[in-house]
Amino acid sequence: AVDGINMEGNKSLEEIVEDKKVGD
């Protein structure tokens, strides 16, 4: 999981972090 979002069957890692900012 990334930030509480389960990876299995959900968004890819790239999709999860694309709305975040450098330094987060």
PDB file of all heavy atoms in Angstrom:
ATOM      1  N   ALA A   1       0.839  -1.197   0.000  1.00  0.00           N
ATOM      2  CA  ALA A   1       0.000   0.000   0.000  1.00  0.00           C
ATOM      3  C   ALA A   1       0.874   1.246   0.000  1.00  0.00           C
ATOM      4  O   ALA A   1       2.000   1.241   0.498  1.00  0.00           O
ATOM      5  CB  ALA A   1      -0.926   0.006   1.210  1.00  0.00           C
ATOM      6  N   VAL A   2       0.340   2.331  -0.578  1.00  0.00           N
ATOM      7  CA  VAL A   2       1.020   3.628  -0.606  1.00  0.00           C
ATOM      8  C   VAL A   2       0.050   4.669  -0.044  1.00  0.00           C
ATOM      9  O   VAL A   2      -1.054   4.863  -0.592  1.00  0.00           O
ATOM     10  CB  VAL A   2       1.455   4.004  -2.041  1.00  0.00           C
ATOM     11  CG1 VAL A   2       2.086   5.394  -2.040  1.00  0.00           C
ATOM     12  CG2 VAL A   2       2.417   2.970  -2.598  1.00  0.00           C
ATOM     13  N   ASP A   3       0.456   5.298   1.050  1.00  0.00           N
ATOM     14  CA  ASP A   3      -0.405   6.284   1.727  1.00  0.00           C
ATOM     15  C   ASP A   3      -1.794   5.706   2.001  1.00  0.00           C
ATOM     16  O   ASP A   3      -2.830   6.378   1.813  1.00  0.00           O
ATOM     17  CB  ASP A   3      -0.512   7.566   0.891  1.00  0.00           C
ATOM     18  CG  ASP A   3       0.582   8.561   1.230  1.00  0.00           C
ATOM     19  OD1 ASP A   3       1.396   8.263   2.139  1.00  0.00           O
ATOM     20  OD2 ASP A   3       0.645   9.615   0.581  1.00  0.00           O
ATOM     21  N   GLY A   4      -1.834   4.458   2.423  1.00  0.00           N
ATOM     22  CA  GLY A   4      -3.084   3.821   2.797  1.00  0.00           C
ATOM     23  C   GLY A   4      -3.886   3.271   1.634  1.00  0.00           C
ATOM     24  O   GLY A   4      -4.934   2.641   1.844  1.00  0.00           O
ATOM     25  N   ILE A   5      -3.429   3.497   0.403  1.00  0.00           N
ATOM     26  CA  ILE A   5      -4.140   2.977  -0.775  1.00  0.00           C
ATOM     27  C   ILE A   5      -3.568   1.614  -1.138  1.00  0.00           C
ATOM     28  O   ILE A   5      -2.381   1.488  -1.445  1.00  0.00           O
ATOM     29  CB  ILE A   5      -4.004   3.932  -1.982  1.00  0.00           C
ATOM     30  CG1 ILE A   5      -4.586   5.309  -1.628  1.00  0.00           C
ATOM     31  CG2 ILE A   5      -4.709   3.350  -3.206  1.00  0.00           C
ATOM     32  CD1 ILE A   5      -4.388   6.338  -2.710  1.00  0.00           C
ATOM     33  N   ASN A   6      -4.425   0.591  -1.073  1.00  0.00           N
ATOM     34  CA  ASN A   6      -3.987  -0.767  -1.382  1.00  0.00           C
ATOM     35  C   ASN A   6      -3.611  -0.865  -2.861  1.00  0.00           C
ATOM     36  O   ASN A   6      -4.368  -0.438  -3.727  1.00  0.00           O
ATOM     37  CB  ASN A   6      -5.113  -1.760  -1.047  1.00  0.00           C
ATOM     38  CG  ASN A   6      -4.599  -3.191  -0.995  1.00  0.00           C
ATOM     39  OD1 ASN A   6      -3.934  -3.641  -1.907  1.00  0.00           O
ATOM     40  ND2 ASN A   6      -4.925  -3.885   0.088  1.00  0.00           N
ATOM     41  N   MET A   7      -2.436  -1.449  -3.125  1.00  0.00           N
ATOM     42  CA  MET A   7      -1.934  -1.521  -4.495  1.00  0.00           C
ATOM     43  C   MET A   7      -2.669  -2.573  -5.321  1.00  0.00           C
ATOM     44  O   MET A   7      -2.834  -2.421  -6.527  1.00  0.00           O
ATOM     45  CB  MET A   7      -0.443  -1.848  -4.500  1.00  0.00           C
ATOM     46  CG  MET A   7       0.422  -0.762  -3.907  1.00  0.00           C
ATOM     47  SD  MET A   7       0.421   0.725  -4.945  1.00  0.00           S
ATOM     48  CE  MET A   7       1.221   0.109  -6.412  1.00  0.00           C
ATOM     49  N   GLU A   8      -3.104  -3.635  -4.705  1.00  0.00           N
ATOM     50  CA  GLU A   8      -3.703  -4.737  -5.451  1.00  0.00           C
ATOM     51  C   GLU A   8      -5.059  -4.335  -6.018  1.00  0.00           C
ATOM     52  O   GLU A   8      -5.986  -4.001  -5.289  1.00  0.00           O
ATOM     53  CB  GLU A   8      -3.855  -5.964  -4.551  1.00  0.00           C
ATOM     54  CG  GLU A   8      -4.305  -7.207  -5.311  1.00  0.00           C
ATOM     55  CD  GLU A   8      -4.286  -8.450  -4.434  1.00  0.00           C
ATOM     56  OE1 GLU A   8      -3.782  -8.366  -3.295  1.00  0.00           O
ATOM     57  OE2 GLU A   8      -4.769  -9.499  -4.898  1.00  0.00           O
ATOM     58  N   GLY A   9      -5.148  -4.344  -7.345  1.00  0.00           N
ATOM     59  CA  GLY A   9      -6.411  -4.050  -8.024  1.00  0.00           C
ATOM     60  C   GLY A   9      -6.770  -2.589  -8.066  1.00  0.00           C
ATOM     61  O   GLY A   9      -7.879  -2.236  -8.482  1.00  0.00           O
ATOM     62  N   ASN A  10      -5.875  -1.692  -7.645  1.00  0.00           N
ATOM     63  CA  ASN A  10      -6.165  -0.261  -7.661  1.00  0.00           C
ATOM     64  C   ASN A  10      -5.190   0.478  -8.566  1.00  0.00           C
ATOM     65  O   ASN A  10      -4.631  -0.096  -9.496  1.00  0.00           O
ATOM     66  CB  ASN A  10      -6.116   0.297  -6.233  1.00  0.00           C
ATOM     67  CG  ASN A  10      -7.312  -0.117  -5.414  1.00  0.00           C
ATOM     68  OD1 ASN A  10      -8.437   0.203  -5.761  1.00  0.00           O
ATOM     69  ND2 ASN A  10      -7.070  -0.835  -4.325  1.00  0.00           N
ATOM     70  N   LYS A  11      -4.960   1.724  -8.273  1.00  0.00           N
ATOM     71  CA  LYS A  11      -4.073   2.549  -9.080  1.00  0.00           C
ATOM     72  C   LYS A  11      -2.642   2.041  -9.037  1.00  0.00           C
ATOM     73  O   LYS A  11      -2.228   1.390  -8.080  1.00  0.00           O
ATOM     74  CB  LYS A  11      -4.108   3.991  -8.574  1.00  0.00           C
ATOM     75  CG  LYS A  11      -5.432   4.710  -8.752  1.00  0.00           C
ATOM     76  CD  LYS A  11      -5.333   6.130  -8.221  1.00  0.00           C
ATOM     77  CE  LYS A  11      -6.615   6.898  -8.414  1.00  0.00           C
ATOM     78  NZ  LYS A  11      -6.494   8.289  -7.888  1.00  0.00           N
ATOM     79  N   SER A  12      -1.910   2.394 -10.073  1.00  0.00           N
ATOM     80  CA  SER A  12      -0.486   2.092 -10.075  1.00  0.00           C
ATOM     81  C   SER A  12       0.235   3.077  -9.168  1.00  0.00           C
ATOM     82  O   SER A  12      -0.324   4.115  -8.777  1.00  0.00           O
ATOM     83  CB  SER A  12       0.085   2.188 -11.492  1.00  0.00           C
ATOM     84  OG  SER A  12       0.061   3.546 -11.928  1.00  0.00           O
ATOM     85  N   LEU A  13       1.460   2.769  -8.811  1.00  0.00           N
ATOM     86  CA  LEU A  13       2.261   3.651  -7.973  1.00  0.00           C
ATOM     87  C   LEU A  13       2.401   5.021  -8.615  1.00  0.00           C
ATOM     88  O   LEU A  13       2.305   6.062  -7.946  1.00  0.00           O
ATOM     89  CB  LEU A  13       3.635   3.018  -7.729  1.00  0.00           C
ATOM     90  CG  LEU A  13       4.627   3.829  -6.899  1.00  0.00           C
ATOM     91  CD1 LEU A  13       4.080   4.059  -5.491  1.00  0.00           C
ATOM     92  CD2 LEU A  13       5.967   3.100  -6.823  1.00  0.00           C
ATOM     93  N   GLU A  14       2.632   5.041  -9.934  1.00  0.00           N
ATOM     94  CA  GLU A  14       2.787   6.316 -10.643  1.00  0.00           C
ATOM     95  C   GLU A  14       1.517   7.165 -10.550  1.00  0.00           C
ATOM     96  O   GLU A  14       1.580   8.391 -10.398  1.00  0.00           O
ATOM     97  CB  GLU A  14       3.145   6.058 -12.115  1.00  0.00           C
ATOM     98  CG  GLU A  14       4.541   5.489 -12.350  1.00  0.00           C
ATOM     99  CD  GLU A  14       4.659   4.029 -11.949  1.00  0.00           C
ATOM    100  OE1 GLU A  14       3.606   3.348 -11.821  1.00  0.00           O
ATOM    101  OE2 GLU A  14       5.795   3.566 -11.754  1.00  0.00           O
ATOM    102  N   GLU A  15       0.377   6.509 -10.669  1.00  0.00           N
ATOM    103  CA  GLU A  15      -0.894   7.240 -10.590  1.00  0.00           C
ATOM    104  C   GLU A  15      -1.139   7.788  -9.190  1.00  0.00           C
ATOM    105  O   GLU A  15      -1.702   8.883  -9.027  1.00  0.00           O
ATOM    106  CB  GLU A  15      -2.050   6.313 -10.990  1.00  0.00           C
ATOM    107  CG  GLU A  15      -2.052   5.949 -12.466  1.00  0.00           C
ATOM    108  CD  GLU A  15      -3.100   4.895 -12.792  1.00  0.00           C
ATOM    109  OE1 GLU A  15      -3.354   4.015 -11.934  1.00  0.00           O
ATOM    110  OE2 GLU A  15      -3.652   4.938 -13.908  1.00  0.00           O
ATOM    111  N   ILE A  16      -0.708   7.063  -8.174  1.00  0.00           N
ATOM    112  CA  ILE A  16      -0.915   7.508  -6.789  1.00  0.00           C
ATOM    113  C   ILE A  16      -0.097   8.754  -6.481  1.00  0.00           C
ATOM    114  O   ILE A  16      -0.570   9.680  -5.802  1.00  0.00           O
ATOM    115  CB  ILE A  16      -0.573   6.375  -5.804  1.00  0.00           C
ATOM    116  CG1 ILE A  16      -1.574   5.227  -5.946  1.00  0.00           C
ATOM    117  CG2 ILE A  16      -0.544   6.884  -4.363  1.00  0.00           C
ATOM    118  CD1 ILE A  16      -1.222   3.995  -5.132  1.00  0.00           C
ATOM    119  N   VAL A  17       1.131   8.821  -6.993  1.00  0.00           N
ATOM    120  CA  VAL A  17       2.015   9.934  -6.629  1.00  0.00           C
ATOM    121  C   VAL A  17       1.967  11.095  -7.616  1.00  0.00           C
ATOM    122  O   VAL A  17       2.560  12.153  -7.353  1.00  0.00           O
ATOM    123  CB  VAL A  17       3.477   9.447  -6.482  1.00  0.00           C
ATOM    124  CG1 VAL A  17       3.581   8.341  -5.462  1.00  0.00           C
ATOM    125  CG2 VAL A  17       4.068   9.012  -7.825  1.00  0.00           C
ATOM    126  N   GLU A  18       1.257  10.936  -8.741  1.00  0.00           N
ATOM    127  CA  GLU A  18       1.325  11.972  -9.776  1.00  0.00           C
ATOM    128  C   GLU A  18       0.745  13.314  -9.305  1.00  0.00           C
ATOM    129  O   GLU A  18       1.121  14.379  -9.828  1.00  0.00           O
ATOM    130  CB  GLU A  18       0.610  11.503 -11.046  1.00  0.00           C
ATOM    131  CG  GLU A  18      -0.883  11.308 -10.911  1.00  0.00           C
ATOM    132  CD  GLU A  18      -1.512  10.813 -12.214  1.00  0.00           C
ATOM    133  OE1 GLU A  18      -0.773  10.721 -13.219  1.00  0.00           O
ATOM    134  OE2 GLU A  18      -2.729  10.525 -12.223  1.00  0.00           O
ATOM    135  N   ASP A  19      -0.156  13.286  -8.335  1.00  0.00           N
ATOM    136  CA  ASP A  19      -0.749  14.537  -7.836  1.00  0.00           C
ATOM    137  C   ASP A  19       0.024  15.118  -6.649  1.00  0.00           C
ATOM    138  O   ASP A  19      -0.341  16.177  -6.128  1.00  0.00           O
ATOM    139  CB  ASP A  19      -2.200  14.301  -7.423  1.00  0.00           C
ATOM    140  CG  ASP A  19      -3.098  13.970  -8.607  1.00  0.00           C
ATOM    141  OD1 ASP A  19      -2.793  14.461  -9.717  1.00  0.00           O
ATOM    142  OD2 ASP A  19      -4.072  13.217  -8.423  1.00  0.00           O
ATOM    143  N   LYS A  20       1.059  14.427  -6.225  1.00  0.00           N
ATOM    144  CA  LYS A  20       1.861  14.927  -5.109  1.00  0.00           C
ATOM    145  C   LYS A  20       2.982  15.819  -5.629  1.00  0.00           C
ATOM    146  O   LYS A  20       3.206  15.939  -6.837  1.00  0.00           O
ATOM    147  CB  LYS A  20       2.403  13.751  -4.295  1.00  0.00           C
ATOM    148  CG  LYS A  20       1.289  12.901  -3.674  1.00  0.00           C
ATOM    149  CD  LYS A  20       1.829  11.839  -2.764  1.00  0.00           C
ATOM    150  CE  LYS A  20       0.693  11.014  -2.159  1.00  0.00           C
ATOM    151  NZ  LYS A  20      -0.197  11.839  -1.295  1.00  0.00           N
ATOM    152  N   LYS A  21       3.678  16.434  -4.702  1.00  0.00           N
ATOM    153  CA  LYS A  21       4.731  17.369  -5.076  1.00  0.00           C
ATOM    154  C   LYS A  21       6.096  16.846  -4.668  1.00  0.00           C
ATOM    155  O   LYS A  21       6.216  16.036  -3.741  1.00  0.00           O
ATOM    156  CB  LYS A  21       4.477  18.723  -4.408  1.00  0.00           C
ATOM    157  CG  LYS A  21       3.200  19.413  -4.866  1.00  0.00           C
ATOM    158  CD  LYS A  21       3.023  20.756  -4.152  1.00  0.00           C
ATOM    159  CE  LYS A  21       1.752  21.447  -4.609  1.00  0.00           C
ATOM    160  NZ  LYS A  21       1.557  22.758  -3.907  1.00  0.00           N
ATOM    161  N   VAL A  22       7.093  17.333  -5.372  1.00  0.00           N
ATOM    162  CA  VAL A  22       8.471  17.014  -5.011  1.00  0.00           C
ATOM    163  C   VAL A  22       8.728  17.494  -3.584  1.00  0.00           C
ATOM    164  O   VAL A  22       8.399  18.626  -3.226  1.00  0.00           O
ATOM    165  CB  VAL A  22       9.462  17.686  -5.986  1.00  0.00           C
ATOM    166  CG1 VAL A  22      10.904  17.484  -5.517  1.00  0.00           C
ATOM    167  CG2 VAL A  22       9.272  17.135  -7.386  1.00  0.00           C
ATOM    168  N   GLY A  23       9.264  16.623  -2.751  1.00  0.00           N
ATOM    169  CA  GLY A  23       9.510  16.943  -1.352  1.00  0.00           C
ATOM    170  C   GLY A  23       8.474  16.363  -0.412  1.00  0.00           C
ATOM    171  O   GLY A  23       8.709  16.277   0.803  1.00  0.00           O
ATOM    172  N   ASP A  24       7.304  15.952  -0.972  1.00  0.00           N
ATOM    173  CA  ASP A  24       6.286  15.318  -0.130  1.00  0.00           C
ATOM    174  C   ASP A  24       6.801  13.988   0.394  1.00  0.00           C
ATOM    175  O   ASP A  24       7.591  13.289  -0.264  1.00  0.00           O
ATOM    176  CB  ASP A  24       4.998  15.081  -0.925  1.00  0.00           C
ATOM    177  CG  ASP A  24       4.206  16.361  -1.145  1.00  0.00           C
ATOM    178  OD1 ASP A  24       4.606  17.398  -0.593  1.00  0.00           O
ATOM    179  OD2 ASP A  24       3.214  16.323  -1.893  1.00  0.00           O
TER     180      ASP A  24
END
